[in-house]
Amino acid sequence: MRTLAENLGTLMTQSVIDPPALRRPSWGVRLLVAVLLLAGVAWLIRYFTTPVQLASSDLETIISPAFLPESEVDRLIAAYEGRIQDHTDALDYRTLGFLYLEKGRLSGDPARYQAAHTALLRARDLFPTDPTTRIGLASALYSLHDFSPAKEEASFVFEQTGQAGALAVRADANLALGSYEEGAADLERLGEEVGELPAVLVREAEWGRVRGDADQAWERAQAAAELTSTSPNGRLRAWYQAFAAQMAWYLGRYEEGRALVDQALEADPTSREGMIVSARLLASDGQLEEAIGRYEQVTVVYPDPGLLSELAALYRFAGNEAAAAETSELLGVVATLAESQGVYDRSLALHLAAIDPPQAVEIARHDLERRQDVGAWDALSWALFHDGDLEGARAASREALSLDTLDARLWFHGGIIALAAGETTEAESFLEKALQLSPQFFPADAQEASEALHGLG
């Protein structure tokens, strides 16, 4: 999700790593790092990605966004766009790059990530040895789904400076690429460097979910929400509570998820992450009208293809074919606008699988070229299945399920594919796991899984 995660989100606070001779500074994040230096702007990156709360130090290294109001982000962007017109300064370009990244996270507009990349490249040209700029550049690459270049840039900074921010971005890139052993090693080292900070805990929670460790996933997500529960920054509290609520949804802990998302939206009624999880939980509870309203509320300001796909499916499940078709058309327009970045390949592949299987396969293969994580294999398996390549779908599905990832949709796809291949015992096991994990993960999919299980008798 990539992100959340794809993902999920982003957060802030500051931390430190003391920098003696044998050890050097600190870090940034998958939603990453911004530095409140002269201008005072901290940043991170997009959707269900991980935040962090650090303790102050003389280094003032910031690992997540400052959670400034969006109006303030807009004001600062205008101010720094004016400054770079008047004179050329590396710090101004760097700050503007971080602001564009934060705006991209808030708006979902890939053009903002491209603008951030351009500004940070300019800052690097002007000040090649500035590690903060290069960590920001790695984050911009990550947000554009250029994961391998992001990893290379972050690795360079970490090897040269020991900055924990660079290590955080490298860990995120490794996990996105499906380089799980390397990513897990980076996360372990990150924890040793900065301790059990919220931004580290959410990364560990997500890694627990990916590798099928429900206890780790839930405990870490709860701990991060608890550690930030007294922050005066409502946006920050909301992000961590929404992250924990999203984890509850993955694990079928709907009641706990509802309580967490209520807290998130009380802390920040405009929280995009909170509204997204709220929509999913409402749908899982069978409150279709309320869920559709919440999805509409989110997608008006944040037209993410994955969310539009979920909304279209919910319209269809509720019997509103006209709205479903209109939303699918909008999804295609949004995805086309983002095509140059490839940011939404996976969401589009899953959406198109039953509509245009050959195109879905092409898109899913393109996504797999960029990253070989379980989500890429799942998208390819579903596209191949609908395109009639059952053998290829089975092979891809085995890769998608190889880590026992806690995502009901992956097990649902695997079960339907196994059923089509005549592997009824495996199909029954996979479908049962999907429904045990999250009984109403997506209403239409959950209904199909239940009907398939009933047919197996």
Protein backbone atom coordinates (compact mmCIF):
# COMPACT_ATOMS: atom_id res chain seq x y z
CA MET A 1 0.00 0.00 0.00
CA ARG A 2 3.55 1.73 -0.79
CA THR A 3 4.17 2.57 -0.18
CA LEU A 4 1.33 2.80 1.88
CA ALA A 5 2.82 3.09 1.68
CA GLU A 6 2.78 3.04 -0.74
CA ASN A 7 2.19 4.14 0.53
CA LEU A 8 0.90 4.89 3.92
CA GLY A 9 1.49 8.51 4.87
CA THR A 10 4.19 10.47 6.78
CA LEU A 11 5.18 12.17 9.97
CA MET A 12 7.44 14.26 11.96
CA THR A 13 9.66 15.07 14.80
CA GLN A 14 13.25 15.34 15.45
CA SER A 15 16.00 13.13 16.52
CA VAL A 16 19.61 12.90 16.99
CA ILE A 17 22.47 10.73 16.76
CA ASP A 18 25.54 11.97 18.43
CA PRO A 19 28.36 12.31 15.96
CA PRO A 20 31.68 11.39 17.53
CA ALA A 21 34.72 10.64 15.48
CA LEU A 22 33.89 7.03 14.80
CA ARG A 23 30.24 7.67 14.28
CA ARG A 24 28.45 10.21 12.24
CA PRO A 25 25.10 11.94 12.07
CA SER A 26 21.59 10.82 11.58
CA TRP A 27 18.73 10.16 9.21
CA GLY A 28 15.71 10.75 7.00
CA VAL A 29 12.83 8.64 5.76
CA ARG A 30 10.67 6.85 3.17
CA LEU A 31 8.47 9.73 3.59
CA LEU A 32 11.47 11.42 4.40
CA VAL A 33 13.45 14.06 5.81
CA ALA A 34 13.40 17.74 5.71
CA VAL A 35 15.46 20.09 7.61
CA LEU A 36 14.11 23.12 9.42
CA LEU A 37 17.15 25.25 9.03
CA LEU A 38 16.94 28.91 8.16
CA ALA A 39 13.54 28.75 6.58
CA GLY A 40 11.96 26.26 8.83
CA VAL A 41 10.50 23.54 6.70
CA ALA A 42 10.60 19.86 7.35
CA TRP A 43 9.51 17.23 5.03
CA LEU A 44 8.86 13.65 4.16
CA ILE A 45 7.25 11.73 1.34
CA ARG A 46 4.11 10.07 0.35
CA TYR A 47 1.27 7.57 1.23
CA PHE A 48 1.68 4.84 3.66
CA THR A 49 5.31 5.45 4.10
CA THR A 50 6.85 5.90 7.43
CA PRO A 51 7.34 8.85 9.78
CA VAL A 52 9.46 9.45 12.74
CA GLN A 53 9.84 11.27 15.95
CA LEU A 54 13.31 12.16 17.01
CA ALA A 55 14.86 13.88 19.96
CA SER A 56 16.52 17.25 19.60
CA SER A 57 20.20 17.58 19.20
CA ASP A 58 22.65 20.13 18.01
CA LEU A 59 22.42 18.50 14.60
CA GLU A 60 18.68 19.15 14.39
CA THR A 61 18.26 16.24 12.01
CA ILE A 62 14.63 15.77 11.13
CA ILE A 63 13.31 12.47 10.03
CA SER A 64 9.79 13.28 9.03
CA PRO A 65 7.65 16.10 7.85
CA ALA A 66 6.89 19.09 9.96
CA PHE A 67 3.17 18.66 9.40
CA LEU A 68 2.76 22.28 8.52
CA PRO A 69 -0.71 23.41 7.41
CA GLU A 70 -1.12 23.07 3.65
CA SER A 71 -1.73 26.80 3.36
CA GLU A 72 1.65 27.41 4.96
CA VAL A 73 3.31 24.98 2.55
CA ASP A 74 1.74 26.90 -0.34
CA ARG A 75 2.86 30.23 1.10
CA LEU A 76 6.43 29.03 1.52
CA ILE A 77 6.52 27.56 -1.99
CA ALA A 78 5.51 30.94 -3.43
CA ALA A 79 8.12 32.69 -1.29
CA TYR A 80 10.95 30.39 -2.32
CA GLU A 81 9.96 30.38 -5.97
CA GLY A 82 10.37 34.15 -5.75
CA ARG A 83 13.72 33.87 -3.98
CA ILE A 84 15.29 31.67 -6.65
CA GLN A 85 14.22 34.20 -9.27
CA ASP A 86 16.21 36.89 -7.47
CA HIS A 87 19.40 34.94 -6.83
CA THR A 88 20.90 31.49 -7.04
CA ASP A 89 21.35 29.81 -3.67
CA ALA A 90 21.75 26.10 -2.88
CA LEU A 91 19.81 26.34 0.37
CA ASP A 92 16.85 28.01 -1.34
CA TYR A 93 16.69 25.29 -3.99
CA ARG A 94 17.01 22.61 -1.33
CA THR A 95 14.22 24.09 0.80
CA LEU A 96 12.00 24.50 -2.26
CA GLY A 97 12.64 20.88 -3.18
CA PHE A 98 11.48 19.70 0.24
CA LEU A 99 8.41 21.94 0.01
CA TYR A 100 7.49 20.48 -3.38
CA LEU A 101 7.84 16.99 -1.93
CA GLU A 102 5.52 17.83 0.94
CA LYS A 103 3.03 19.39 -1.47
CA GLY A 104 3.18 16.25 -3.61
CA ARG A 105 2.40 14.16 -0.56
CA LEU A 106 -0.55 16.40 0.31
CA SER A 107 -1.95 16.68 -3.22
CA GLY A 108 -0.96 13.39 -4.85
CA ASP A 109 0.23 15.34 -7.89
CA PRO A 110 3.25 13.59 -9.49
CA ALA A 111 4.23 16.89 -11.11
CA ARG A 112 5.16 18.15 -7.65
CA TYR A 113 7.55 15.23 -7.21
CA GLN A 114 9.11 16.03 -10.55
CA ALA A 115 9.47 19.66 -9.51
CA ALA A 116 11.11 18.52 -6.27
CA HIS A 117 13.53 16.33 -8.22
CA THR A 118 14.47 19.25 -10.48
CA ALA A 119 14.98 21.66 -7.57
CA LEU A 120 17.06 19.19 -5.58
CA LEU A 121 19.21 18.36 -8.60
CA ARG A 122 19.92 22.07 -8.92
CA ALA A 123 20.75 22.28 -5.22
CA ARG A 124 23.13 19.34 -5.59
CA ASP A 125 24.84 20.98 -8.56
CA LEU A 126 25.39 24.10 -6.47
CA PHE A 127 26.48 22.26 -3.31
CA PRO A 128 27.51 18.67 -4.21
CA THR A 129 28.75 17.76 -0.73
CA ASP A 130 25.59 18.68 1.18
CA PRO A 131 24.19 15.39 2.54
CA THR A 132 20.77 16.85 3.34
CA THR A 133 20.25 17.79 -0.30
CA ARG A 134 21.28 14.34 -1.45
CA ILE A 135 18.99 12.62 1.04
CA GLY A 136 16.20 14.83 -0.28
CA LEU A 137 17.12 13.85 -3.82
CA ALA A 138 16.98 10.17 -2.86
CA SER A 139 13.53 10.79 -1.40
CA ALA A 140 12.36 12.53 -4.55
CA LEU A 141 13.52 9.57 -6.61
CA TYR A 142 11.72 7.24 -4.22
CA SER A 143 8.50 9.23 -4.48
CA LEU A 144 8.74 8.93 -8.27
CA HIS A 145 9.17 5.16 -7.88
CA ASP A 146 12.72 5.31 -9.22
CA PHE A 147 13.69 2.94 -6.45
CA SER A 148 17.06 1.74 -7.71
CA PRO A 149 18.45 5.27 -8.23
CA ALA A 150 16.98 6.25 -4.85
CA LYS A 151 18.82 3.37 -3.23
CA GLU A 152 22.07 4.30 -4.97
CA GLU A 153 21.84 7.94 -3.89
CA ALA A 154 20.95 7.03 -0.30
CA SER A 155 23.73 4.42 -0.16
CA PHE A 156 26.28 6.96 -1.37
CA VAL A 157 25.31 9.43 1.35
CA PHE A 158 25.25 6.80 4.06
CA GLU A 159 28.65 5.39 3.09
CA GLN A 160 30.14 8.88 3.01
CA THR A 161 28.55 10.39 6.10
CA GLY A 162 26.84 7.71 8.16
CA GLN A 163 23.64 9.79 8.17
CA ALA A 164 20.73 7.83 9.58
CA GLY A 165 18.41 9.71 7.23
CA ALA A 166 20.16 8.12 4.29
CA LEU A 167 19.91 4.72 5.95
CA ALA A 168 16.15 5.20 6.36
CA VAL A 169 15.66 5.99 2.69
CA ARG A 170 17.84 3.05 1.68
CA ALA A 171 15.79 0.73 3.91
CA ASP A 172 12.58 1.96 2.31
CA ALA A 173 14.00 1.56 -1.18
CA ASN A 174 15.23 -1.95 -0.46
CA LEU A 175 11.81 -3.04 0.82
CA ALA A 176 10.08 -1.44 -2.17
CA LEU A 177 12.45 -3.26 -4.52
CA GLY A 178 11.76 -6.59 -2.83
CA SER A 179 15.34 -6.75 -1.53
CA TYR A 180 13.94 -7.90 1.78
CA GLU A 181 17.09 -9.22 3.43
CA GLU A 182 18.91 -5.96 2.77
CA GLY A 183 15.92 -3.90 3.86
CA ALA A 184 15.51 -5.86 7.08
CA ALA A 185 19.22 -5.42 7.85
CA ASP A 186 18.91 -1.67 7.26
CA LEU A 187 15.89 -1.47 9.58
CA GLU A 188 17.71 -3.37 12.30
CA ARG A 189 20.67 -1.03 12.03
CA LEU A 190 18.37 1.99 11.99
CA GLY A 191 16.76 0.83 15.21
CA GLU A 192 20.19 0.46 16.79
CA GLU A 193 21.08 3.99 15.69
CA VAL A 194 17.99 5.90 16.82
CA GLY A 195 16.07 3.54 19.09
CA GLU A 196 12.34 2.86 19.23
CA LEU A 197 11.14 6.11 17.76
CA PRO A 198 7.70 6.29 16.14
CA ALA A 199 9.09 6.51 12.61
CA VAL A 200 11.19 3.43 13.20
CA LEU A 201 8.28 1.58 14.81
CA VAL A 202 5.97 2.12 11.84
CA ARG A 203 8.63 0.81 9.48
CA GLU A 204 9.04 -2.24 11.68
CA ALA A 205 5.26 -2.66 11.79
CA GLU A 206 5.03 -2.61 8.01
CA TRP A 207 7.91 -5.04 7.67
CA GLY A 208 6.14 -7.33 10.15
CA ARG A 209 3.02 -7.20 8.01
CA VAL A 210 4.94 -7.96 4.84
CA ARG A 211 6.67 -10.98 6.35
CA GLY A 212 3.53 -12.32 7.99
CA ASP A 213 4.24 -11.45 11.63
CA ALA A 214 0.90 -10.18 12.93
CA ASP A 215 2.14 -9.65 16.46
CA GLN A 216 5.01 -7.42 15.34
CA ALA A 217 2.81 -5.54 12.89
CA TRP A 218 0.14 -4.73 15.45
CA GLU A 219 2.37 -4.12 18.48
CA ARG A 220 4.68 -1.72 16.63
CA ALA A 221 1.79 0.18 15.05
CA GLN A 222 0.09 0.58 18.44
CA ALA A 223 3.33 1.65 20.10
CA ALA A 224 3.94 4.36 17.50
CA ALA A 225 0.41 5.72 17.93
CA GLU A 226 0.78 5.71 21.70
CA LEU A 227 4.13 7.50 21.65
CA THR A 228 2.69 10.34 19.58
CA SER A 229 -0.70 10.52 21.31
CA THR A 230 0.21 13.55 23.42
CA SER A 231 1.83 15.59 20.65
CA PRO A 232 0.38 19.09 20.31
CA ASN A 233 0.59 18.67 16.53
CA GLY A 234 -2.80 17.31 15.47
CA ARG A 235 -1.66 16.33 12.00
CA LEU A 236 1.16 14.28 13.43
CA ARG A 237 -1.12 12.48 15.91
CA ALA A 238 -3.62 11.82 13.15
CA TRP A 239 -1.02 10.27 10.87
CA TYR A 240 0.17 7.73 13.43
CA GLN A 241 -3.34 6.89 14.56
CA ALA A 242 -4.42 6.44 10.94
CA PHE A 243 -1.41 4.20 10.34
CA ALA A 244 -2.43 2.01 13.29
CA ALA A 245 -6.05 2.01 12.06
CA GLN A 246 -4.90 0.89 8.61
CA MET A 247 -2.94 -1.95 10.23
CA ALA A 248 -6.07 -2.89 12.20
CA TRP A 249 -7.98 -3.06 8.90
CA TYR A 250 -5.36 -5.34 7.38
CA LEU A 251 -5.65 -7.62 10.40
CA GLY A 252 -9.45 -7.62 10.58
CA ARG A 253 -9.44 -5.71 13.89
CA TYR A 254 -12.24 -3.47 12.73
CA GLU A 255 -13.49 -2.29 16.13
CA GLU A 256 -10.02 -1.18 17.17
CA GLY A 257 -9.52 0.39 13.77
CA ARG A 258 -12.72 2.42 14.14
CA ALA A 259 -11.61 3.75 17.52
CA LEU A 260 -8.21 4.73 16.14
CA VAL A 261 -9.57 6.42 13.04
CA ASP A 262 -12.08 8.37 15.13
CA GLN A 263 -9.15 9.66 17.19
CA ALA A 264 -7.24 10.50 14.01
CA LEU A 265 -10.08 12.54 12.55
CA GLU A 266 -10.70 14.25 15.87
CA ALA A 267 -7.04 15.30 15.95
CA ASP A 268 -7.14 16.45 12.31
CA PRO A 269 -10.53 16.45 10.53
CA THR A 270 -8.73 17.03 7.21
CA SER A 271 -6.37 14.05 7.58
CA ARG A 272 -6.21 12.37 4.20
CA GLU A 273 -4.84 9.17 5.71
CA GLY A 274 -7.59 9.15 8.31
CA MET A 275 -10.32 9.61 5.71
CA ILE A 276 -8.90 6.82 3.54
CA VAL A 277 -8.88 4.30 6.39
CA SER A 278 -12.29 5.51 7.52
CA ALA A 279 -13.70 4.81 4.04
CA ARG A 280 -12.26 1.28 4.05
CA LEU A 281 -13.56 0.52 7.54
CA LEU A 282 -17.03 1.84 6.68
CA ALA A 283 -17.09 -0.39 3.60
CA SER A 284 -15.95 -3.37 5.64
CA ASP A 285 -18.77 -2.68 8.11
CA GLY A 286 -21.30 -2.73 5.27
CA GLN A 287 -22.05 0.98 5.50
CA LEU A 288 -21.82 1.42 1.76
CA GLU A 289 -23.44 4.83 1.42
CA GLU A 290 -21.25 6.31 4.14
CA ALA A 291 -18.15 4.62 2.70
CA ILE A 292 -18.87 5.94 -0.79
CA GLY A 293 -19.35 9.44 0.61
CA ARG A 294 -16.02 9.28 2.38
CA TYR A 295 -14.23 7.96 -0.72
CA GLU A 296 -15.76 10.79 -2.75
CA GLN A 297 -14.62 13.30 -0.16
CA VAL A 298 -11.04 12.04 -0.38
CA THR A 299 -10.75 11.57 -4.13
CA VAL A 300 -12.04 15.05 -4.93
CA VAL A 301 -8.85 16.49 -3.47
CA TYR A 302 -6.58 13.45 -3.81
CA PRO A 303 -7.45 11.56 -7.02
CA ASP A 304 -5.15 8.61 -6.43
CA PRO A 305 -5.79 5.79 -8.96
CA GLY A 306 -5.78 3.13 -6.24
CA LEU A 307 -8.48 4.96 -4.31
CA LEU A 308 -10.48 5.64 -7.47
CA SER A 309 -10.32 1.94 -8.25
CA GLU A 310 -11.66 1.10 -4.78
CA LEU A 311 -14.44 3.66 -5.23
CA ALA A 312 -15.40 2.30 -8.65
CA ALA A 313 -15.59 -1.23 -7.22
CA LEU A 314 -17.76 -0.01 -4.36
CA TYR A 315 -20.12 1.81 -6.74
CA ARG A 316 -20.42 -1.39 -8.75
CA PHE A 317 -21.03 -3.49 -5.62
CA ALA A 318 -23.76 -1.03 -4.59
CA GLY A 319 -25.38 -1.35 -8.04
CA ASN A 320 -24.46 2.07 -9.39
CA GLU A 321 -22.92 1.09 -12.72
CA ALA A 322 -23.07 4.61 -14.16
CA ALA A 323 -21.01 6.05 -11.30
CA ALA A 324 -18.62 3.11 -11.51
CA ALA A 325 -18.05 3.72 -15.22
CA GLU A 326 -17.58 7.45 -14.71
CA THR A 327 -15.04 6.82 -11.93
CA SER A 328 -13.17 4.30 -14.05
CA GLU A 329 -12.96 6.88 -16.83
CA LEU A 330 -11.56 9.45 -14.40
CA LEU A 331 -9.09 6.87 -13.13
CA GLY A 332 -7.81 6.39 -16.68
CA VAL A 333 -7.30 10.13 -17.12
CA VAL A 334 -5.44 10.47 -13.82
CA ALA A 335 -3.29 7.44 -14.52
CA THR A 336 -2.42 8.75 -18.00
CA LEU A 337 -1.26 12.03 -16.48
CA ALA A 338 0.99 10.09 -14.11
CA GLU A 339 2.20 7.62 -16.74
CA SER A 340 5.52 9.35 -17.35
CA GLN A 341 6.48 8.69 -13.75
CA GLY A 342 5.04 5.18 -13.60
CA VAL A 343 3.91 6.00 -10.07
CA TYR A 344 0.55 4.27 -10.37
CA ASP A 345 1.40 1.26 -12.52
CA ARG A 346 0.34 -1.33 -9.95
CA SER A 347 -3.02 0.21 -9.09
CA LEU A 348 -3.86 0.59 -12.74
CA ALA A 349 -2.84 -3.00 -13.55
CA LEU A 350 -5.13 -4.37 -10.84
CA HIS A 351 -8.00 -2.18 -12.00
CA LEU A 352 -7.60 -3.10 -15.67
CA ALA A 353 -7.10 -6.83 -15.12
CA ALA A 354 -10.75 -7.69 -15.75
CA ILE A 355 -11.32 -4.83 -18.22
CA ASP A 356 -8.30 -4.93 -20.54
CA PRO A 357 -6.14 -7.95 -19.58
CA PRO A 358 -3.38 -7.48 -22.19
CA GLN A 359 -2.81 -3.88 -21.13
CA ALA A 360 -2.92 -4.91 -17.48
CA VAL A 361 -0.22 -7.52 -18.12
CA GLU A 362 1.96 -4.97 -19.90
CA ILE A 363 1.61 -2.49 -17.04
CA ALA A 364 2.22 -5.15 -14.38
CA ARG A 365 5.38 -6.35 -16.14
CA HIS A 366 6.60 -2.77 -16.28
CA ASP A 367 6.00 -2.43 -12.55
CA LEU A 368 7.86 -5.67 -11.89
CA GLU A 369 10.86 -4.35 -13.81
CA ARG A 370 11.10 -1.51 -11.28
CA ARG A 371 10.60 -3.57 -8.15
CA GLN A 372 10.21 -7.22 -7.30
CA ASP A 373 8.18 -6.97 -4.10
CA VAL A 374 5.16 -9.10 -3.24
CA GLY A 375 2.74 -6.43 -4.50
CA ALA A 376 4.32 -6.42 -7.96
CA TRP A 377 4.05 -10.20 -8.20
CA ASP A 378 0.44 -10.08 -7.04
CA ALA A 379 -0.53 -7.51 -9.69
CA LEU A 380 1.15 -9.61 -12.37
CA SER A 381 -0.54 -12.80 -11.18
CA TRP A 382 -3.99 -11.20 -11.33
CA ALA A 383 -3.38 -9.68 -14.76
CA LEU A 384 -2.02 -12.96 -16.17
CA PHE A 385 -4.97 -14.86 -14.72
CA HIS A 386 -7.46 -12.61 -16.48
CA ASP A 387 -5.39 -12.81 -19.66
CA GLY A 388 -5.71 -16.59 -19.68
CA ASP A 389 -2.12 -17.46 -18.71
CA LEU A 390 -2.93 -19.72 -15.79
CA GLU A 391 0.54 -21.23 -15.52
CA GLY A 392 2.16 -17.79 -15.43
CA ALA A 393 -0.45 -16.58 -12.94
CA ARG A 394 0.27 -19.53 -10.64
CA ALA A 395 4.02 -18.88 -10.71
CA ALA A 396 3.58 -15.18 -10.00
CA SER A 397 1.07 -15.89 -7.23
CA ARG A 398 3.55 -18.19 -5.49
CA GLU A 399 6.02 -15.31 -5.42
CA ALA A 400 3.35 -12.93 -4.11
CA LEU A 401 2.53 -15.28 -1.21
CA SER A 402 6.09 -16.38 -0.48
CA LEU A 403 6.40 -14.26 2.69
CA ASP A 404 2.92 -14.98 4.11
CA THR A 405 2.13 -11.27 3.78
CA LEU A 406 -0.85 -10.08 5.82
CA ASP A 407 -2.99 -8.74 3.00
CA ALA A 408 -6.31 -10.48 2.36
CA ARG A 409 -6.41 -9.41 -1.26
CA LEU A 410 -3.19 -11.29 -2.06
CA TRP A 411 -4.65 -14.50 -0.56
CA PHE A 412 -7.96 -13.93 -2.34
CA HIS A 413 -6.17 -13.62 -5.67
CA GLY A 414 -4.08 -16.70 -4.92
CA GLY A 415 -7.18 -18.67 -3.97
CA ILE A 416 -9.13 -17.79 -7.12
CA ILE A 417 -6.12 -18.61 -9.29
CA ALA A 418 -5.58 -21.95 -7.52
CA LEU A 419 -9.26 -22.77 -7.92
CA ALA A 420 -9.07 -22.12 -11.66
CA ALA A 421 -6.07 -24.45 -11.83
CA GLY A 422 -8.03 -27.22 -10.12
CA GLU A 423 -5.96 -27.04 -6.93
CA THR A 424 -9.00 -27.15 -4.67
CA THR A 425 -7.22 -27.89 -1.40
CA GLU A 426 -4.87 -24.97 -1.90
CA ALA A 427 -7.70 -22.75 -3.08
CA GLU A 428 -9.73 -23.51 0.03
CA SER A 429 -6.74 -22.80 2.28
CA PHE A 430 -5.96 -19.48 0.60
CA LEU A 431 -9.57 -18.26 0.53
CA GLU A 432 -10.08 -19.19 4.16
CA LYS A 433 -6.92 -17.32 5.07
CA ALA A 434 -8.12 -14.21 3.23
CA LEU A 435 -11.43 -14.21 5.11
CA GLN A 436 -9.90 -15.09 8.46
CA LEU A 437 -7.37 -12.30 8.10
CA SER A 438 -9.89 -9.57 7.21
CA PRO A 439 -13.43 -10.90 6.74
CA GLN A 440 -14.67 -7.88 4.76
CA PHE A 441 -11.42 -6.54 3.29
CA PHE A 442 -13.13 -5.23 0.15
CA PRO A 443 -16.85 -6.05 -0.05
CA ALA A 444 -16.95 -7.37 -3.61
CA ASP A 445 -13.79 -9.43 -3.23
CA ALA A 446 -14.86 -10.78 0.16
CA GLN A 447 -18.23 -11.80 -1.31
CA GLU A 448 -16.55 -13.59 -4.22
CA ALA A 449 -14.19 -15.36 -1.82
CA SER A 450 -17.13 -16.51 0.33
CA GLU A 451 -19.09 -17.74 -2.69
CA ALA A 452 -16.04 -19.62 -4.00
CA LEU A 453 -15.53 -21.28 -0.63
CA HIS A 454 -19.21 -22.21 -0.47
CA GLY A 455 -18.89 -23.77 -3.91
CA LEU A 456 -16.03 -25.91 -2.67
CA GLY A 457 -18.47 -27.20 -0.11
